[in-house]
């Protein structure tokens, strides 16, 4: 999966929501446009809703497995 933004930053700034709830329905402007909520959203700021980007282990840059050495 690509880490690039789903649209140019200028467009992401134009599409935002002001949802008071969890951004679950098509009433959310971002969801309606097929985008994830972003920092331009008035309430959730792209972090505290059901339509925000979720990071998975495959997208994480650090190693998930600690390195061990035999003594």
PDB file of N, CA and C in Angstrom:
ATOM      1  N   UNK A   1       0.836  -1.169   0.000  1.00  0.00           N
ATOM      2  CA  UNK A   1       0.000   0.000   0.000  1.00  0.00           C
ATOM      3  C   UNK A   1       0.883   1.235   0.000  1.00  0.00           C
ATOM      4  N   UNK A   2       0.523   2.219  -0.764  1.00  0.00           N
ATOM      5  CA  UNK A   2       1.288   3.445  -0.884  1.00  0.00           C
ATOM      6  C   UNK A   2       1.066   4.352   0.317  1.00  0.00           C
ATOM      7  N   UNK A   3       2.121   5.051   0.720  1.00  0.00           N
ATOM      8  CA  UNK A   3       2.004   5.998   1.822  1.00  0.00           C
ATOM      9  C   UNK A   3       1.681   7.394   1.315  1.00  0.00           C
ATOM     10  N   UNK A   4       1.563   7.568   0.007  1.00  0.00           N
ATOM     11  CA  UNK A   4       1.260   8.871  -0.564  1.00  0.00           C
ATOM     12  C   UNK A   4      -0.155   9.293  -0.198  1.00  0.00           C
ATOM     13  N   UNK A   5      -0.375  10.606  -0.165  1.00  0.00           N
ATOM     14  CA  UNK A   5      -1.714  11.120   0.100  1.00  0.00           C
ATOM     15  C   UNK A   5      -2.658  10.663  -0.994  1.00  0.00           C
ATOM     16  N   UNK A   6      -3.947  10.452  -0.665  1.00  0.00           N
ATOM     17  CA  UNK A   6      -4.905   9.988  -1.661  1.00  0.00           C
ATOM     18  C   UNK A   6      -5.253  11.055  -2.698  1.00  0.00           C
ATOM     19  N   UNK A   7      -4.861  12.300  -2.437  1.00  0.00           N
ATOM     20  CA  UNK A   7      -5.130  13.413  -3.344  1.00  0.00           C
ATOM     21  C   UNK A   7      -4.106  14.508  -3.056  1.00  0.00           C
ATOM     22  N   UNK A   8      -3.952  15.454  -3.980  1.00  0.00           N
ATOM     23  CA  UNK A   8      -3.027  16.564  -3.720  1.00  0.00           C
ATOM     24  C   UNK A   8      -3.421  17.313  -2.442  1.00  0.00           C
ATOM     25  N   UNK A   9      -2.430  17.844  -1.725  1.00  0.00           N
ATOM     26  CA  UNK A   9      -2.691  18.536  -0.464  1.00  0.00           C
ATOM     27  C   UNK A   9      -3.682  19.684  -0.631  1.00  0.00           C
ATOM     28  N   UNK A  10      -3.647  20.372  -1.771  1.00  0.00           N
ATOM     29  CA  UNK A  10      -4.572  21.475  -2.015  1.00  0.00           C
ATOM     30  C   UNK A  10      -6.018  20.979  -2.007  1.00  0.00           C
ATOM     31  N   UNK A  11      -6.251  19.815  -2.600  1.00  0.00           N
ATOM     32  CA  UNK A  11      -7.599  19.250  -2.634  1.00  0.00           C
ATOM     33  C   UNK A  11      -8.014  18.764  -1.253  1.00  0.00           C
ATOM     34  N   UNK A  12      -7.101  18.151  -0.529  1.00  0.00           N
ATOM     35  CA  UNK A  12      -7.424  17.672   0.815  1.00  0.00           C
ATOM     36  C   UNK A  12      -7.840  18.827   1.721  1.00  0.00           C
ATOM     37  N   UNK A  13      -7.252  20.006   1.516  1.00  0.00           N
ATOM     38  CA  UNK A  13      -7.622  21.160   2.321  1.00  0.00           C
ATOM     39  C   UNK A  13      -9.018  21.650   1.965  1.00  0.00           C
ATOM     40  N   UNK A  14      -9.448  21.437   0.723  1.00  0.00           N
ATOM     41  CA  UNK A  14     -10.776  21.848   0.291  1.00  0.00           C
ATOM     42  C   UNK A  14     -11.850  20.893   0.796  1.00  0.00           C
ATOM     43  N   UNK A  15     -11.519  19.614   0.943  1.00  0.00           N
ATOM     44  CA  UNK A  15     -12.486  18.620   1.403  1.00  0.00           C
ATOM     45  C   UNK A  15     -12.224  18.358   2.876  1.00  0.00           C
ATOM     46  N   UNK A  16     -13.159  18.775   3.699  1.00  0.00           N
ATOM     47  CA  UNK A  16     -13.063  18.530   5.135  1.00  0.00           C
ATOM     48  C   UNK A  16     -14.473  18.408   5.681  1.00  0.00           C
ATOM     49  N   UNK A  17     -14.590  17.990   6.915  1.00  0.00           N
ATOM     50  CA  UNK A  17     -15.920  17.847   7.509  1.00  0.00           C
ATOM     51  C   UNK A  17     -16.000  18.611   8.820  1.00  0.00           C
ATOM     52  N   UNK A  18     -17.204  18.757   9.286  1.00  0.00           N
ATOM     53  CA  UNK A  18     -17.449  19.391  10.569  1.00  0.00           C
ATOM     54  C   UNK A  18     -18.318  18.489  11.424  1.00  0.00           C
ATOM     55  N   UNK A  19     -18.212  17.190  11.191  1.00  0.00           N
ATOM     56  CA  UNK A  19     -19.044  16.216  11.904  1.00  0.00           C
ATOM     57  C   UNK A  19     -18.871  16.350  13.410  1.00  0.00           C
ATOM     58  N   UNK A  20     -19.976  16.252  14.120  1.00  0.00           N
ATOM     59  CA  UNK A  20     -19.942  16.261  15.580  1.00  0.00           C
ATOM     60  C   UNK A  20     -19.851  14.837  16.124  1.00  0.00           C
ATOM     61  N   UNK A  21     -20.067  13.858  15.255  1.00  0.00           N
ATOM     62  CA  UNK A  21     -20.030  12.455  15.662  1.00  0.00           C
ATOM     63  C   UNK A  21     -18.795  11.756  15.134  1.00  0.00           C
ATOM     64  N   UNK A  22     -18.866  10.435  14.985  1.00  0.00           N
ATOM     65  CA  UNK A  22     -17.701   9.630  14.608  1.00  0.00           C
ATOM     66  C   UNK A  22     -17.413   9.532  13.102  1.00  0.00           C
ATOM     67  N   UNK A  23     -18.060  10.333  12.264  1.00  0.00           N
ATOM     68  CA  UNK A  23     -17.817  10.329  10.811  1.00  0.00           C
ATOM     69  C   UNK A  23     -18.096   8.955  10.200  1.00  0.00           C
ATOM     70  N   UNK A  24     -19.168   8.301  10.612  1.00  0.00           N
ATOM     71  CA  UNK A  24     -19.502   6.951  10.143  1.00  0.00           C
ATOM     72  C   UNK A  24     -20.348   6.930   8.881  1.00  0.00           C
ATOM     73  N   UNK A  25     -21.143   7.963   8.648  1.00  0.00           N
ATOM     74  CA  UNK A  25     -22.112   7.908   7.555  1.00  0.00           C
ATOM     75  C   UNK A  25     -21.683   8.772   6.373  1.00  0.00           C
ATOM     76  N   UNK A  26     -22.463   8.700   5.314  1.00  0.00           N
ATOM     77  CA  UNK A  26     -22.208   9.500   4.114  1.00  0.00           C
ATOM     78  C   UNK A  26     -22.499  10.980   4.351  1.00  0.00           C
ATOM     79  N   UNK A  27     -22.970  11.340   5.541  1.00  0.00           N
ATOM     80  CA  UNK A  27     -23.158  12.749   5.869  1.00  0.00           C
ATOM     81  C   UNK A  27     -21.803  13.427   6.049  1.00  0.00           C
ATOM     82  N   UNK A  28     -20.773  12.646   6.304  1.00  0.00           N
ATOM     83  CA  UNK A  28     -19.409  13.161   6.441  1.00  0.00           C
ATOM     84  C   UNK A  28     -18.911  13.550   5.046  1.00  0.00           C
ATOM     85  N   UNK A  29     -18.523  14.807   4.865  1.00  0.00           N
ATOM     86  CA  UNK A  29     -18.052  15.275   3.555  1.00  0.00           C
ATOM     87  C   UNK A  29     -16.836  14.498   3.065  1.00  0.00           C
ATOM     88  N   UNK A  30     -15.944  14.145   3.955  1.00  0.00           N
ATOM     89  CA  UNK A  30     -14.748  13.393   3.557  1.00  0.00           C
ATOM     90  C   UNK A  30     -15.131  12.009   3.056  1.00  0.00           C
ATOM     91  N   UNK A  31     -15.943  11.301   3.834  1.00  0.00           N
ATOM     92  CA  UNK A  31     -16.378   9.953   3.449  1.00  0.00           C
ATOM     93  C   UNK A  31     -17.151  10.013   2.137  1.00  0.00           C
ATOM     94  N   UNK A  32     -18.003  11.021   1.991  1.00  0.00           N
ATOM     95  CA  UNK A  32     -18.804  11.185   0.776  1.00  0.00           C
ATOM     96  C   UNK A  32     -17.894  11.340  -0.451  1.00  0.00           C
ATOM     97  N   UNK A  33     -16.752  12.011  -0.272  1.00  0.00           N
ATOM     98  CA  UNK A  33     -15.803  12.223  -1.367  1.00  0.00           C
ATOM     99  C   UNK A  33     -14.854  11.039  -1.541  1.00  0.00           C
ATOM    100  N   UNK A  34     -14.979  10.017  -0.695  1.00  0.00           N
ATOM    101  CA  UNK A  34     -14.108   8.848  -0.798  1.00  0.00           C
ATOM    102  C   UNK A  34     -12.739   9.074  -0.191  1.00  0.00           C
ATOM    103  N   UNK A  35     -12.621  10.049   0.714  1.00  0.00           N
ATOM    104  CA  UNK A  35     -11.346  10.374   1.345  1.00  0.00           C
ATOM    105  C   UNK A  35     -11.398  10.097   2.839  1.00  0.00           C
ATOM    106  N   UNK A  36     -10.244   9.949   3.442  1.00  0.00           N
ATOM    107  CA  UNK A  36     -10.149   9.836   4.892  1.00  0.00           C
ATOM    108  C   UNK A  36     -10.207  11.243   5.478  1.00  0.00           C
ATOM    109  N   UNK A  37     -10.670  11.356   6.713  1.00  0.00           N
ATOM    110  CA  UNK A  37     -10.667  12.647   7.387  1.00  0.00           C
ATOM    111  C   UNK A  37      -9.217  13.106   7.532  1.00  0.00           C
ATOM    112  N   UNK A  38      -9.016  14.420   7.592  1.00  0.00           N
ATOM    113  CA  UNK A  38      -7.673  14.973   7.592  1.00  0.00           C
ATOM    114  C   UNK A  38      -7.571  16.119   8.597  1.00  0.00           C
ATOM    115  N   UNK A  39      -6.387  16.671   8.798  1.00  0.00           N
ATOM    116  CA  UNK A  39      -6.210  17.739   9.787  1.00  0.00           C
ATOM    117  C   UNK A  39      -7.068  18.981   9.549  1.00  0.00           C
ATOM    118  N   UNK A  40      -7.594  19.177   8.347  1.00  0.00           N
ATOM    119  CA  UNK A  40      -8.452  20.329   8.068  1.00  0.00           C
ATOM    120  C   UNK A  40      -9.862  20.149   8.621  1.00  0.00           C
ATOM    121  N   UNK A  41     -10.225  18.951   9.032  1.00  0.00           N
ATOM    122  CA  UNK A  41     -11.561  18.700   9.587  1.00  0.00           C
ATOM    123  C   UNK A  41     -11.707  19.447  10.909  1.00  0.00           C
ATOM    124  N   UNK A  42     -12.848  20.110  11.058  1.00  0.00           N
ATOM    125  CA  UNK A  42     -13.048  21.017  12.189  1.00  0.00           C
ATOM    126  C   UNK A  42     -13.036  20.350  13.559  1.00  0.00           C
ATOM    127  N   UNK A  43     -13.637  19.182  13.710  1.00  0.00           N
ATOM    128  CA  UNK A  43     -13.751  18.556  15.028  1.00  0.00           C
ATOM    129  C   UNK A  43     -12.763  17.405  15.203  1.00  0.00           C
ATOM    130  N   UNK A  44     -12.798  16.434  14.310  1.00  0.00           N
ATOM    131  CA  UNK A  44     -11.970  15.230  14.496  1.00  0.00           C
ATOM    132  C   UNK A  44     -10.505  15.444  14.138  1.00  0.00           C
ATOM    133  N   UNK A  45     -10.222  16.421  13.287  1.00  0.00           N
ATOM    134  CA  UNK A  45      -8.848  16.705  12.841  1.00  0.00           C
ATOM    135  C   UNK A  45      -8.172  15.495  12.204  1.00  0.00           C
ATOM    136  N   UNK A  46      -8.993  14.539  11.724  1.00  0.00           N
ATOM    137  CA  UNK A  46      -8.441  13.353  11.081  1.00  0.00           C
ATOM    138  C   UNK A  46      -7.840  12.354  12.039  1.00  0.00           C
ATOM    139  N   UNK A  47      -8.139  12.490  13.330  1.00  0.00           N
ATOM    140  CA  UNK A  47      -7.535  11.610  14.334  1.00  0.00           C
ATOM    141  C   UNK A  47      -8.563  10.857  15.164  1.00  0.00           C
ATOM    142  N   UNK A  48      -9.624  11.523  15.569  1.00  0.00           N
ATOM    143  CA  UNK A  48     -10.532  10.931  16.559  1.00  0.00           C
ATOM    144  C   UNK A  48     -11.876  10.537  15.969  1.00  0.00           C
ATOM    145  N   UNK A  49     -11.865   9.818  14.853  1.00  0.00           N
ATOM    146  CA  UNK A  49     -13.127   9.390  14.250  1.00  0.00           C
ATOM    147  C   UNK A  49     -12.961   8.025  13.580  1.00  0.00           C
ATOM    148  N   UNK A  50     -14.059   7.494  13.063  1.00  0.00           N
ATOM    149  CA  UNK A  50     -14.037   6.186  12.392  1.00  0.00           C
ATOM    150  C   UNK A  50     -13.560   6.279  10.949  1.00  0.00           C
ATOM    151  N   UNK A  51     -13.299   7.491  10.455  1.00  0.00           N
ATOM    152  CA  UNK A  51     -12.865   7.664   9.073  1.00  0.00           C
ATOM    153  C   UNK A  51     -11.435   8.207   9.001  1.00  0.00           C
ATOM    154  N   UNK A  52     -10.663   8.025  10.059  1.00  0.00           N
ATOM    155  CA  UNK A  52      -9.284   8.497  10.034  1.00  0.00           C
ATOM    156  C   UNK A  52      -8.363   7.378   9.568  1.00  0.00           C
ATOM    157  N   UNK A  53      -7.186   7.739   9.146  1.00  0.00           N
ATOM    158  CA  UNK A  53      -6.218   6.752   8.665  1.00  0.00           C
ATOM    159  C   UNK A  53      -5.740   5.907   9.829  1.00  0.00           C
ATOM    160  N   UNK A  54      -5.779   4.619   9.650  1.00  0.00           N
ATOM    161  CA  UNK A  54      -5.293   3.682  10.665  1.00  0.00           C
ATOM    162  C   UNK A  54      -3.949   3.136  10.193  1.00  0.00           C
ATOM    163  N   UNK A  55      -2.943   3.204  11.035  1.00  0.00           N
ATOM    164  CA  UNK A  55      -1.635   2.664  10.692  1.00  0.00           C
ATOM    165  C   UNK A  55      -1.598   1.191  11.033  1.00  0.00           C
ATOM    166  N   UNK A  56      -1.045   0.412  10.130  1.00  0.00           N
ATOM    167  CA  UNK A  56      -0.894  -1.018  10.374  1.00  0.00           C
ATOM    168  C   UNK A  56       0.587  -1.333  10.507  1.00  0.00           C
ATOM    169  N   UNK A  57       0.896  -2.511  10.952  1.00  0.00           N
ATOM    170  CA  UNK A  57       2.293  -2.912  11.130  1.00  0.00           C
ATOM    171  C   UNK A  57       3.057  -2.855   9.816  1.00  0.00           C
ATOM    172  N   UNK A  58       2.395  -3.119   8.692  1.00  0.00           N
ATOM    173  CA  UNK A  58       3.090  -3.091   7.404  1.00  0.00           C
ATOM    174  C   UNK A  58       3.416  -1.670   6.982  1.00  0.00           C
ATOM    175  N   UNK A  59       2.718  -0.678   7.526  1.00  0.00           N
ATOM    176  CA  UNK A  59       2.993   0.710   7.193  1.00  0.00           C
ATOM    177  C   UNK A  59       3.967   1.345   8.171  1.00  0.00           C
ATOM    178  N   UNK A  60       4.273   0.663   9.254  1.00  0.00           N
ATOM    179  CA  UNK A  60       5.151   1.192  10.282  1.00  0.00           C
ATOM    180  C   UNK A  60       6.590   1.068   9.806  1.00  0.00           C
ATOM    181  N   UNK A  61       7.381   2.112   9.975  1.00  0.00           N
ATOM    182  CA  UNK A  61       8.749   2.117   9.464  1.00  0.00           C
ATOM    183  C   UNK A  61       9.739   1.402  10.377  1.00  0.00           C
ATOM    184  N   UNK A  62       9.489   1.400  11.667  1.00  0.00           N
ATOM    185  CA  UNK A  62      10.411   0.748  12.595  1.00  0.00           C
ATOM    186  C   UNK A  62      10.200  -0.754  12.572  1.00  0.00           C
ATOM    187  N   UNK A  63      11.206  -1.480  12.939  1.00  0.00           N
ATOM    188  CA  UNK A  63      11.105  -2.934  12.996  1.00  0.00           C
ATOM    189  C   UNK A  63      10.160  -3.344  14.115  1.00  0.00           C
ATOM    190  N   UNK A  64       9.246  -4.229  13.814  1.00  0.00           N
ATOM    191  CA  UNK A  64       8.293  -4.709  14.806  1.00  0.00           C
ATOM    192  C   UNK A  64       8.896  -5.819  15.670  1.00  0.00           C
ATOM    193  N   UNK A  65       9.965  -6.423  15.176  1.00  0.00           N
ATOM    194  CA  UNK A  65      10.588  -7.536  15.879  1.00  0.00           C
ATOM    195  C   UNK A  65      11.896  -7.068  16.498  1.00  0.00           C
ATOM    196  N   UNK A  66      12.040  -7.176  17.812  1.00  0.00           N
ATOM    197  CA  UNK A  66      13.296  -6.743  18.426  1.00  0.00           C
ATOM    198  C   UNK A  66      14.450  -7.650  18.000  1.00  0.00           C
ATOM    199  N   UNK A  67      15.603  -7.065  17.907  1.00  0.00           N
ATOM    200  CA  UNK A  67      16.794  -7.821  17.536  1.00  0.00           C
ATOM    201  C   UNK A  67      17.415  -8.417  18.792  1.00  0.00           C
ATOM    202  N   UNK A  68      17.778  -9.685  18.727  1.00  0.00           N
ATOM    203  CA  UNK A  68      18.412 -10.340  19.878  1.00  0.00           C
ATOM    204  C   UNK A  68      19.768 -10.874  19.468  1.00  0.00           C
ATOM    205  N   UNK A  69      20.645 -10.976  20.445  1.00  0.00           N
ATOM    206  CA  UNK A  69      21.963 -11.561  20.190  1.00  0.00           C
ATOM    207  C   UNK A  69      22.203 -12.664  21.203  1.00  0.00           C
ATOM    208  N   UNK A  70      22.927 -13.695  20.794  1.00  0.00           N
ATOM    209  CA  UNK A  70      23.270 -14.784  21.707  1.00  0.00           C
ATOM    210  C   UNK A  70      24.522 -14.398  22.480  1.00  0.00           C
ATOM    211  N   UNK A  71      24.511 -14.623  23.792  1.00  0.00           N
ATOM    212  CA  UNK A  71      25.672 -14.268  24.617  1.00  0.00           C
ATOM    213  C   UNK A  71      26.550 -15.468  24.856  1.00  0.00           C
TER     214      UNK A  71
END
